[in-house]
Protein backbone atom coordinates (compact mmCIF):
# COMPACT_ATOMS: atom_id res chain seq x y z
CA MET A 1 1.02 -62.09 -22.42
CA ALA A 2 0.37 -58.43 -23.15
CA LYS A 3 -2.69 -56.89 -21.55
CA THR A 4 -4.73 -54.14 -23.19
CA LYS A 5 -6.16 -51.44 -20.96
CA VAL A 6 -8.43 -48.62 -22.14
CA LYS A 7 -7.96 -45.20 -20.59
CA PHE A 8 -8.97 -41.64 -21.38
CA VAL A 9 -6.23 -39.02 -21.49
CA CYS A 10 -6.61 -35.24 -21.51
CA GLN A 11 -4.81 -33.81 -24.54
CA GLU A 12 -4.13 -30.52 -22.73
CA CYS A 13 -2.63 -31.54 -19.38
CA GLY A 14 -2.17 -35.34 -19.62
CA TYR A 15 -4.72 -36.23 -16.91
CA GLU A 16 -5.73 -39.92 -17.09
CA SER A 17 -9.16 -41.28 -16.25
CA PRO A 18 -10.67 -44.80 -16.48
CA LYS A 19 -13.88 -43.35 -17.95
CA TRP A 20 -14.76 -40.54 -20.31
CA MET A 21 -15.72 -37.14 -18.92
CA GLY A 22 -16.80 -34.02 -20.75
CA LYS A 23 -14.69 -31.74 -18.57
CA CYS A 24 -11.18 -32.48 -17.40
CA PRO A 25 -11.07 -32.21 -13.58
CA ALA A 26 -7.40 -31.17 -13.66
CA CYS A 27 -7.23 -28.30 -16.19
CA GLN A 28 -11.01 -27.61 -16.49
CA ALA A 29 -10.86 -27.93 -20.30
CA TRP A 30 -13.90 -29.27 -22.17
CA ASN A 31 -13.92 -32.19 -24.65
CA THR A 32 -10.20 -32.91 -24.31
CA LEU A 33 -10.33 -36.50 -22.99
CA VAL A 34 -9.51 -38.96 -25.79
CA GLU A 35 -9.63 -42.74 -25.61
CA GLU A 36 -6.25 -44.49 -25.75
CA LYS A 37 -5.35 -48.14 -25.56
CA GLU A 38 -2.39 -48.95 -23.35
CA VAL A 39 -0.56 -52.23 -23.96
CA THR A 40 1.42 -53.28 -20.89
CA LYS A 41 4.24 -55.76 -21.31
CA THR A 42 6.47 -57.43 -18.78
CA ARG A 43 9.90 -55.91 -19.03
CA HIS A 44 13.04 -57.37 -17.53
CA VAL A 45 15.60 -54.92 -16.20
CA SER A 46 19.14 -55.84 -17.13
CA THR A 47 21.49 -56.12 -14.16
CA GLY A 48 24.65 -56.97 -16.06
CA GLY A 49 28.07 -55.78 -15.07
CA SER A 50 28.06 -53.07 -17.74
CA GLN A 51 25.46 -51.02 -15.86
CA LYS A 52 26.38 -49.35 -12.60
CA ALA A 53 23.94 -47.80 -10.17
CA SER A 54 24.50 -44.12 -9.56
CA LYS A 55 25.53 -43.07 -6.06
CA PRO A 56 25.18 -39.74 -4.23
CA GLU A 57 28.21 -37.46 -4.53
CA ARG A 58 29.33 -34.42 -2.62
CA ILE A 59 28.63 -31.32 -4.68
CA THR A 60 32.04 -29.91 -3.71
CA GLY A 61 33.75 -32.98 -5.15
CA ILE A 62 32.05 -32.87 -8.55
CA THR A 63 34.30 -31.63 -11.34
CA ILE A 64 32.75 -29.93 -14.34
CA GLN A 65 34.14 -29.35 -17.79
CA GLU A 66 32.98 -26.39 -19.84
CA GLU A 67 31.63 -27.69 -23.14
CA GLU A 68 32.20 -25.56 -26.19
CA ARG A 69 28.99 -24.41 -27.80
CA ILE A 70 28.28 -24.81 -31.50
CA ILE A 71 28.24 -21.32 -33.01
CA THR A 72 26.08 -20.61 -36.06
CA LYS A 73 26.54 -17.76 -38.54
CA MET A 74 23.49 -16.00 -37.08
CA PRO A 75 24.50 -13.94 -34.01
CA GLU A 76 20.83 -13.20 -33.28
CA PHE A 77 20.04 -16.92 -33.07
CA ASN A 78 23.14 -17.58 -30.95
CA ARG A 79 22.13 -14.89 -28.47
CA VAL A 80 18.59 -16.26 -28.09
CA LEU A 81 20.07 -19.66 -27.22
CA GLY A 82 22.40 -18.09 -24.67
CA GLY A 83 25.59 -18.00 -26.74
CA GLY A 84 25.22 -20.91 -29.17
CA ILE A 85 23.95 -24.47 -29.40
CA VAL A 86 24.81 -26.63 -26.39
CA PRO A 87 25.91 -30.22 -27.25
CA GLY A 88 23.40 -32.77 -25.96
CA SER A 89 20.56 -30.25 -25.61
CA LEU A 90 16.95 -30.78 -26.71
CA VAL A 91 15.39 -27.58 -28.09
CA LEU A 92 11.71 -27.11 -28.92
CA ILE A 93 10.71 -24.41 -31.41
CA GLY A 94 7.05 -23.58 -32.00
CA GLY A 95 5.16 -21.18 -34.22
CA ASP A 96 2.18 -20.72 -36.53
CA PRO A 97 2.02 -22.76 -39.75
CA GLY A 98 4.00 -21.14 -42.55
CA ILE A 99 5.76 -18.69 -40.24
CA GLY A 100 9.23 -19.92 -41.24
CA LYS A 101 10.27 -22.58 -38.70
CA SER A 102 11.44 -25.08 -41.30
CA THR A 103 13.18 -22.33 -43.28
CA LEU A 104 15.12 -21.17 -40.21
CA LEU A 105 16.19 -24.68 -39.18
CA LEU A 106 17.18 -25.56 -42.75
CA GLN A 107 19.34 -22.43 -42.90
CA ILE A 108 20.94 -23.30 -39.54
CA SER A 109 21.56 -26.85 -40.75
CA SER A 110 23.21 -25.56 -43.93
CA GLN A 111 25.49 -23.20 -41.98
CA LEU A 112 26.63 -25.98 -39.66
CA ALA A 113 27.13 -28.36 -42.61
CA GLN A 114 29.39 -25.79 -44.26
CA LYS A 115 31.61 -25.97 -41.17
CA GLY A 116 32.21 -29.67 -41.87
CA LEU A 117 29.64 -31.10 -39.42
CA ASP A 118 27.33 -33.96 -40.41
CA ILE A 119 23.73 -32.74 -40.15
CA LEU A 120 20.59 -34.91 -40.21
CA TYR A 121 17.32 -33.19 -41.11
CA ILE A 122 14.32 -35.47 -40.46
CA SER A 123 11.02 -34.34 -41.97
CA GLY A 124 7.79 -36.00 -40.92
CA GLU A 125 5.52 -33.70 -42.93
CA GLU A 126 7.35 -33.37 -46.25
CA SER A 127 9.03 -35.76 -48.62
CA VAL A 128 12.73 -35.48 -49.37
CA ARG A 129 11.86 -33.93 -52.74
CA GLN A 130 9.79 -31.20 -51.11
CA THR A 131 12.64 -30.48 -48.71
CA LYS A 132 14.99 -30.34 -51.69
CA LEU A 133 12.75 -27.74 -53.37
CA ARG A 134 12.97 -25.53 -50.30
CA ALA A 135 16.73 -26.02 -50.15
CA ASP A 136 17.07 -24.99 -53.81
CA ARG A 137 15.03 -21.84 -53.14
CA LEU A 138 17.35 -20.99 -50.27
CA GLU A 139 20.39 -21.88 -52.41
CA ILE A 140 21.50 -24.54 -49.93
CA LYS A 141 24.10 -26.92 -51.31
CA SER A 142 26.19 -29.02 -48.93
CA ASP A 143 27.30 -32.64 -49.04
CA ASN A 144 27.26 -32.82 -45.23
CA LEU A 145 23.52 -32.14 -44.99
CA TYR A 146 21.45 -35.36 -45.00
CA VAL A 147 17.66 -35.38 -45.39
CA MET A 148 15.31 -38.16 -44.26
CA ALA A 149 11.51 -38.45 -44.45
CA GLU A 150 10.40 -40.69 -41.57
CA THR A 151 7.91 -40.68 -38.69
CA ASN A 152 8.65 -44.02 -37.01
CA LEU A 153 10.57 -43.35 -33.80
CA GLN A 154 12.52 -46.61 -34.03
CA GLN A 155 13.66 -45.79 -37.56
CA LEU A 156 14.76 -42.34 -36.40
CA ALA A 157 16.71 -43.81 -33.51
CA ASP A 158 18.45 -46.33 -35.81
CA ALA A 159 19.38 -43.60 -38.30
CA ILE A 160 20.84 -41.39 -35.56
CA HIS A 161 22.73 -44.35 -34.04
CA ASP A 162 24.22 -45.45 -37.38
CA MET A 163 25.07 -41.99 -38.71
CA LYS A 164 26.13 -40.31 -35.43
CA PRO A 165 25.47 -36.76 -36.73
CA SER A 166 26.59 -33.58 -35.01
CA PHE A 167 23.17 -31.93 -35.24
CA VAL A 168 19.62 -33.29 -35.71
CA VAL A 169 16.35 -31.59 -36.66
CA VAL A 170 12.98 -33.36 -36.21
CA ASP A 171 10.11 -31.61 -38.03
CA SER A 172 7.74 -32.10 -36.29
CA ILE A 173 7.29 -33.93 -32.96
CA GLN A 174 3.51 -34.27 -33.49
CA THR A 175 4.11 -36.55 -36.51
CA VAL A 176 6.51 -38.96 -34.76
CA TYR A 177 5.00 -42.17 -33.37
CA HIS A 178 6.13 -45.17 -31.36
CA SER A 179 5.02 -48.46 -32.90
CA GLU A 180 4.27 -50.09 -29.52
CA ILE A 181 1.80 -47.34 -28.55
CA THR A 182 -1.61 -47.69 -30.15
CA SER A 183 -2.72 -44.06 -29.85
CA ALA A 184 -2.53 -41.68 -32.79
CA PRO A 185 0.53 -39.50 -33.47
CA GLY A 186 0.33 -36.22 -31.57
CA SER A 187 -1.49 -37.71 -28.59
CA VAL A 188 -0.18 -37.36 -25.05
CA SER A 189 1.28 -40.86 -24.94
CA GLN A 190 3.03 -40.54 -28.31
CA VAL A 191 4.45 -37.09 -27.59
CA ARG A 192 5.68 -38.12 -24.14
CA GLU A 193 7.35 -41.32 -25.36
CA SER A 194 8.87 -39.72 -28.47
CA THR A 195 10.25 -36.73 -26.57
CA SER A 196 11.73 -38.86 -23.80
CA GLU A 197 13.44 -41.10 -26.36
CA LEU A 198 14.87 -38.11 -28.21
CA MET A 199 16.03 -36.65 -24.90
CA ARG A 200 17.79 -39.90 -24.04
CA MET A 201 19.57 -39.98 -27.41
CA ALA A 202 20.63 -36.34 -27.08
CA LYS A 203 22.08 -36.77 -23.58
CA GLN A 204 23.80 -40.12 -24.18
CA ASN A 205 25.39 -39.20 -27.50
CA GLY A 206 25.96 -35.48 -26.89
CA ILE A 207 23.96 -34.56 -30.02
CA PRO A 208 21.91 -31.34 -30.01
CA ILE A 209 18.40 -32.09 -31.29
CA PHE A 210 15.90 -29.45 -32.43
CA ILE A 211 12.24 -30.49 -32.56
CA VAL A 212 9.44 -28.46 -34.15
CA GLY A 213 6.10 -28.21 -32.34
CA HIS A 214 2.74 -27.15 -33.70
CA VAL A 215 0.81 -24.37 -31.99
CA THR A 216 -2.87 -24.03 -31.18
CA LYS A 217 -5.12 -21.16 -32.24
CA GLU A 218 -4.41 -19.53 -28.86
CA GLY A 219 -0.70 -19.40 -29.77
CA SER A 220 0.62 -22.01 -27.31
CA ILE A 221 2.42 -25.17 -28.36
CA ALA A 222 -0.06 -27.95 -29.12
CA GLY A 223 -0.18 -31.04 -26.98
CA PRO A 224 0.39 -31.44 -23.25
CA ARG A 225 2.36 -28.91 -21.22
CA LEU A 226 4.74 -31.71 -20.22
CA LEU A 227 6.38 -31.30 -23.66
CA GLU A 228 7.72 -27.89 -22.63
CA HIS A 229 8.80 -29.23 -19.23
CA MET A 230 10.81 -32.11 -20.73
CA VAL A 231 12.98 -30.14 -23.15
CA ASP A 232 15.95 -27.92 -22.25
CA THR A 233 14.97 -24.84 -24.26
CA VAL A 234 11.67 -23.55 -25.66
CA LEU A 235 11.69 -21.02 -28.50
CA TYR A 236 8.63 -19.31 -29.95
CA PHE A 237 8.67 -18.11 -33.55
CA GLU A 238 6.33 -15.11 -33.72
CA GLY A 239 5.19 -12.79 -36.46
CA GLU A 240 2.40 -12.18 -38.93
CA ARG A 241 2.27 -13.59 -42.42
CA HIS A 242 1.46 -10.15 -43.82
CA HIS A 243 4.63 -8.65 -42.29
CA THR A 244 8.17 -9.56 -43.23
CA PHE A 245 9.58 -9.42 -39.70
CA ARG A 246 9.85 -12.53 -37.55
CA ILE A 247 10.71 -12.72 -33.84
CA VAL A 248 12.38 -15.71 -32.18
CA ARG A 249 11.70 -15.48 -28.46
CA SER A 250 13.14 -17.69 -25.71
CA VAL A 251 10.64 -18.54 -22.96
CA LYS A 252 12.67 -21.30 -21.30
CA ASN A 253 16.41 -21.88 -21.39
CA ARG A 254 18.43 -24.04 -19.03
CA PHE A 255 21.66 -22.75 -20.57
CA GLY A 256 20.99 -19.00 -20.73
CA SER A 257 18.64 -16.16 -19.85
CA THR A 258 14.97 -16.39 -20.72
CA HIS A 259 12.90 -13.87 -22.70
CA GLU A 260 15.75 -13.19 -25.10
CA MET A 261 14.60 -12.04 -28.51
CA GLY A 262 16.06 -12.21 -32.00
CA ILE A 263 14.52 -10.37 -34.95
CA PHE A 264 14.69 -11.60 -38.54
CA GLU A 265 13.32 -10.41 -41.85
CA MET A 266 11.78 -12.91 -44.27
CA LYS A 267 13.07 -12.50 -47.81
CA GLU A 268 13.01 -14.66 -50.93
CA GLU A 269 16.46 -16.05 -50.15
CA GLY A 270 15.45 -16.88 -46.57
CA LEU A 271 15.60 -15.26 -43.15
CA GLN A 272 18.06 -12.42 -42.59
CA GLU A 273 18.98 -10.88 -39.27
CA VAL A 274 17.90 -7.43 -38.12
CA PHE A 275 20.73 -6.01 -36.00
CA ASN A 276 19.03 -2.72 -35.03
CA PRO A 277 15.34 -3.49 -34.40
CA SER A 278 14.62 -0.17 -32.66
CA GLU A 279 15.44 1.75 -35.82
CA ILE A 280 13.21 -0.57 -37.87
CA PHE A 281 10.24 -0.17 -35.52
CA LEU A 282 10.52 3.63 -35.47
CA GLU A 283 11.27 4.37 -39.12
CA GLU A 284 7.59 4.87 -40.08
CA ARG A 285 6.61 6.90 -37.02
CA SER A 286 4.54 10.03 -37.69
CA SER A 287 5.76 13.02 -35.68
CA GLY A 288 3.41 15.64 -34.31
CA VAL A 289 0.41 13.31 -34.06
CA ALA A 290 -1.57 12.97 -30.84
CA GLY A 291 -1.65 9.55 -29.20
CA SER A 292 1.89 8.46 -30.10
CA THR A 293 4.64 7.80 -27.53
CA ILE A 294 7.94 5.94 -27.51
CA VAL A 295 8.96 3.44 -24.82
CA ALA A 296 12.17 1.48 -24.20
CA SER A 297 11.26 -2.11 -23.39
CA MET A 298 13.68 -4.82 -22.30
CA GLU A 299 13.49 -8.08 -24.25
CA GLY A 300 15.85 -10.33 -22.32
CA THR A 301 19.14 -8.42 -22.21
CA ARG A 302 18.32 -6.19 -25.20
CA PRO A 303 16.57 -2.81 -25.00
CA VAL A 304 14.09 -2.25 -27.83
CA LEU A 305 12.45 1.10 -28.61
CA VAL A 306 8.91 0.82 -29.96
CA GLU A 307 6.01 3.14 -30.63
CA ILE A 308 2.75 2.90 -28.69
CA GLN A 309 -0.29 4.37 -30.40
CA ALA A 310 -3.63 5.24 -28.80
CA LEU A 311 -6.91 6.35 -30.34
CA ILE A 312 -9.58 7.69 -27.97
CA SER A 313 -12.96 8.58 -29.47
CA PRO A 314 -16.47 9.14 -28.03
CA THR A 315 -18.61 6.03 -28.02
CA SER A 316 -22.11 5.79 -29.43
CA PHE A 317 -23.02 2.82 -27.24
CA GLY A 318 -23.60 2.40 -23.53
CA ASN A 319 -20.65 0.07 -23.11
CA PRO A 320 -17.41 1.61 -24.48
CA ARG A 321 -14.88 -0.64 -26.20
CA ARG A 322 -11.39 -1.34 -24.90
CA MET A 323 -9.16 -2.99 -27.50
CA ALA A 324 -5.41 -3.66 -27.39
CA THR A 325 -2.98 -5.11 -29.93
CA GLY A 326 0.47 -6.22 -28.83
CA LEU A 327 -0.17 -5.94 -25.09
CA SER A 328 -2.47 -7.34 -22.42
CA GLN A 329 -6.17 -6.56 -22.84
CA ASN A 330 -6.54 -6.08 -19.07
CA ARG A 331 -3.88 -3.36 -18.90
CA VAL A 332 -5.87 -0.80 -20.91
CA PRO A 333 -8.97 -0.51 -18.66
CA LEU A 334 -6.71 -0.55 -15.58
CA LEU A 335 -4.63 2.42 -16.76
CA MET A 336 -7.73 4.26 -17.98
CA ALA A 337 -9.25 3.87 -14.51
CA VAL A 338 -6.07 5.33 -12.97
CA LEU A 339 -6.18 8.30 -15.37
CA GLU A 340 -9.84 8.93 -14.60
CA LYS A 341 -9.45 8.70 -10.83
CA ARG A 342 -6.01 10.31 -10.34
CA ALA A 343 -5.65 12.66 -13.33
CA GLY A 344 -9.28 13.76 -13.73
CA LEU A 345 -9.75 12.56 -17.32
CA LEU A 346 -13.37 11.64 -18.13
CA LEU A 347 -12.82 8.44 -20.09
CA GLN A 348 -15.85 6.40 -19.10
CA ASN A 349 -17.73 7.35 -22.30
CA GLN A 350 -14.75 6.92 -24.64
CA ASP A 351 -13.74 4.03 -26.88
CA ALA A 352 -10.04 3.14 -26.53
CA TYR A 353 -7.87 1.43 -29.11
CA ILE A 354 -4.22 0.79 -28.14
CA LYS A 355 -1.60 -0.70 -30.45
CA VAL A 356 2.10 -1.52 -30.32
CA ALA A 357 3.39 -0.61 -33.77
CA GLY A 358 5.53 -3.09 -35.68
CA GLY A 359 3.81 -6.31 -34.64
CA ILE A 360 5.88 -6.80 -31.48
CA LYS A 361 4.31 -7.95 -28.19
CA LEU A 362 5.15 -6.23 -24.90
CA ASP A 363 4.31 -7.54 -21.44
CA GLU A 364 6.59 -5.81 -18.94
CA PRO A 365 5.29 -3.21 -16.44
CA ALA A 366 7.78 -0.55 -17.62
CA ILE A 367 5.51 0.34 -20.56
CA ASP A 368 2.65 1.56 -18.31
CA LEU A 369 3.69 5.22 -18.32
CA ALA A 370 3.97 5.37 -22.12
CA ILE A 371 0.50 3.81 -22.50
CA ALA A 372 -1.05 6.24 -20.01
CA VAL A 373 0.52 9.29 -21.67
CA SER A 374 -0.53 8.12 -25.16
CA ILE A 375 -4.13 7.71 -23.94
CA ALA A 376 -4.13 11.20 -22.40
CA SER A 377 -2.48 12.65 -25.51
CA SER A 378 -5.17 11.26 -27.80
CA PHE A 379 -7.97 12.28 -25.41
CA ARG A 380 -6.72 15.89 -25.17
CA ASP A 381 -5.62 15.88 -28.82
CA LYS A 382 -2.18 17.17 -27.82
CA PRO A 383 0.87 15.48 -29.33
CA THR A 384 3.96 14.71 -27.28
CA LYS A 385 7.43 15.84 -28.31
CA PRO A 386 8.87 13.49 -30.97
CA ASP A 387 12.21 13.28 -29.15
CA ASP A 388 10.68 12.25 -25.78
CA ILE A 389 10.82 8.72 -24.41
CA LEU A 390 8.80 7.47 -21.44
CA ILE A 391 9.72 4.64 -19.06
CA GLY A 392 7.96 3.62 -15.85
CA GLU A 393 5.43 1.41 -14.11
CA VAL A 394 2.16 3.01 -12.99
CA GLY A 395 0.51 1.94 -9.74
CA LEU A 396 -3.17 2.08 -8.86
CA THR A 397 -2.63 5.18 -6.74
CA GLY A 398 -1.09 6.99 -9.70
CA GLU A 399 2.53 6.70 -8.57
CA VAL A 400 5.30 5.96 -11.08
CA ARG A 401 7.41 3.08 -9.80
CA ARG A 402 11.02 2.23 -10.54
CA VAL A 403 12.00 -0.20 -13.33
CA SER A 404 15.01 -2.43 -13.87
CA ARG A 405 17.98 -1.87 -16.20
CA ILE A 406 17.28 1.81 -16.68
CA GLU A 407 20.86 2.50 -17.84
CA GLN A 408 20.59 0.22 -20.89
CA ARG A 409 17.24 1.72 -21.86
CA ILE A 410 18.60 5.27 -21.64
CA GLN A 411 21.72 4.41 -23.63
CA GLU A 412 19.63 2.89 -26.42
CA ALA A 413 17.45 6.01 -26.52
CA ALA A 414 20.49 8.29 -26.69
CA LYS A 415 21.98 6.21 -29.48
CA LEU A 416 18.88 6.74 -31.60
CA GLY A 417 18.87 10.51 -31.10
CA PHE A 418 16.26 11.08 -28.40
CA LYS A 419 16.73 14.27 -26.36
CA ARG A 420 14.69 13.69 -23.20
CA ALA A 421 13.67 10.70 -21.07
CA ILE A 422 10.87 10.77 -18.50
CA ILE A 423 11.61 8.05 -15.94
CA PRO A 424 10.62 7.24 -12.32
CA ASN A 425 12.20 9.53 -9.73
CA ASN A 426 13.45 6.51 -7.79
CA ASN A 427 15.59 5.51 -10.78
CA LEU A 428 17.61 8.73 -10.54
CA SER A 429 20.66 7.32 -8.78
CA SER A 430 24.42 7.79 -8.98
CA TRP A 431 24.74 6.61 -12.60
CA ASN A 432 25.65 9.23 -15.16
CA PRO A 433 23.24 9.57 -18.13
CA PRO A 434 24.61 10.45 -21.59
CA ASP A 435 25.34 14.14 -22.17
CA SER A 436 23.12 14.24 -25.25
CA LEU A 437 19.99 13.22 -23.33
CA GLU A 438 18.11 15.02 -20.56
CA VAL A 439 16.70 12.76 -17.84
CA VAL A 440 13.61 13.96 -15.94
CA GLY A 441 12.29 12.10 -12.90
CA VAL A 442 8.57 11.99 -12.02
CA ASP A 443 6.73 10.68 -8.96
CA THR A 444 3.16 10.45 -10.29
CA VAL A 445 1.39 10.09 -13.59
CA GLN A 446 0.05 13.63 -13.14
CA ASP A 447 3.62 14.94 -13.15
CA ALA A 448 4.34 13.06 -16.37
CA LEU A 449 1.25 14.51 -18.05
CA LYS A 450 2.21 18.06 -17.05
CA ILE A 451 5.70 17.63 -18.50
CA THR A 452 4.78 15.90 -21.75
CA LEU A 453 1.46 17.56 -22.70
CA THR A 454 1.72 21.15 -21.45
CA GLU A 455 5.11 21.90 -23.01
CA THR A 456 4.15 20.98 -26.58
């Protein structure tokens, strides 16, 4: 006879407790413990001759066979995944509502269907007619693309088993439920069971499955963190509704490099690739204006040139403001403290507003020097040269530290017509920079300020 047990599960980290608590002792989150009923049943494990227990093998005696990836007609999407879709992989893609997740996956499904593959698109949030309306808007017409509106996990499993498609999309994982679990769809138990079942089907049948995940207001994928640990690849779909550009960023990939980035532009006929994002981000730059610098940032294996803008103005309050858009909020006061202590700039009574133009987010240390110079440029009201590019990490003692992949950054800058690059002195090695670009090495942030602000 089945027994019913009541437990309280944290919806953030999955911590289980026999009683309700206001604060989760594991992740310290408030009001996240939700009551769930667990029905335990006696299960008999089959020991028939068809199942064989796995045995340890020598790693030198294991033979591997390179599986051919499924290539889409979007090179940007293929590169984010590490070279294409791996058969049998489970990929999670998250993003804000209305950002374009369903549009992207429907376009990918249509491209694969045109290659003769059977594609199954399962929608748990829209009816088949609503999916058809989106397909008509995107001008998607293919007899190999099948659409299904279902949220029951058993029904999904039966459809995949009977059809045996080459590619499956589940939109979204928070709407899928297991009938034997009494908790609501989207809870920890439902998400864990549904994801593990989809993972099992993907691995056993060699079918790549893409699942869509909702995000919270903080920007992370909703539900427990175990969802990101279970899947093979995690993609984030970033961008603002008021801008046409969308960024697909890889934050976890078992089959390729992480932090790869693909840029798309949202149009009426769907998402289109942007093959030269640096040129797009710099096309509206105003030359000869104080507070503007250019930096070459690495997004995975791709160098991207973006503009960093700073506005420094005297404050009328006792506590000056420090605001940042597109980069860490803690980086601005840190660099301003370095400039005040090491470069002699009196910034303690100044409001600071820093922005990465174009809506892109940067988090690598190599952008420190560009931020520091843009702050000093706005404070002194002296513009930098429009054909200068700055690369380097700034330490607390004011030193400029070396960065990785300096050759690719310099080559991208030379390709876009920049004439001079200010980089860390330790990065000046035996490699030969392009003839069209002058490379200047600096040891401290004071040296960078003398070069960029006194020669204008």
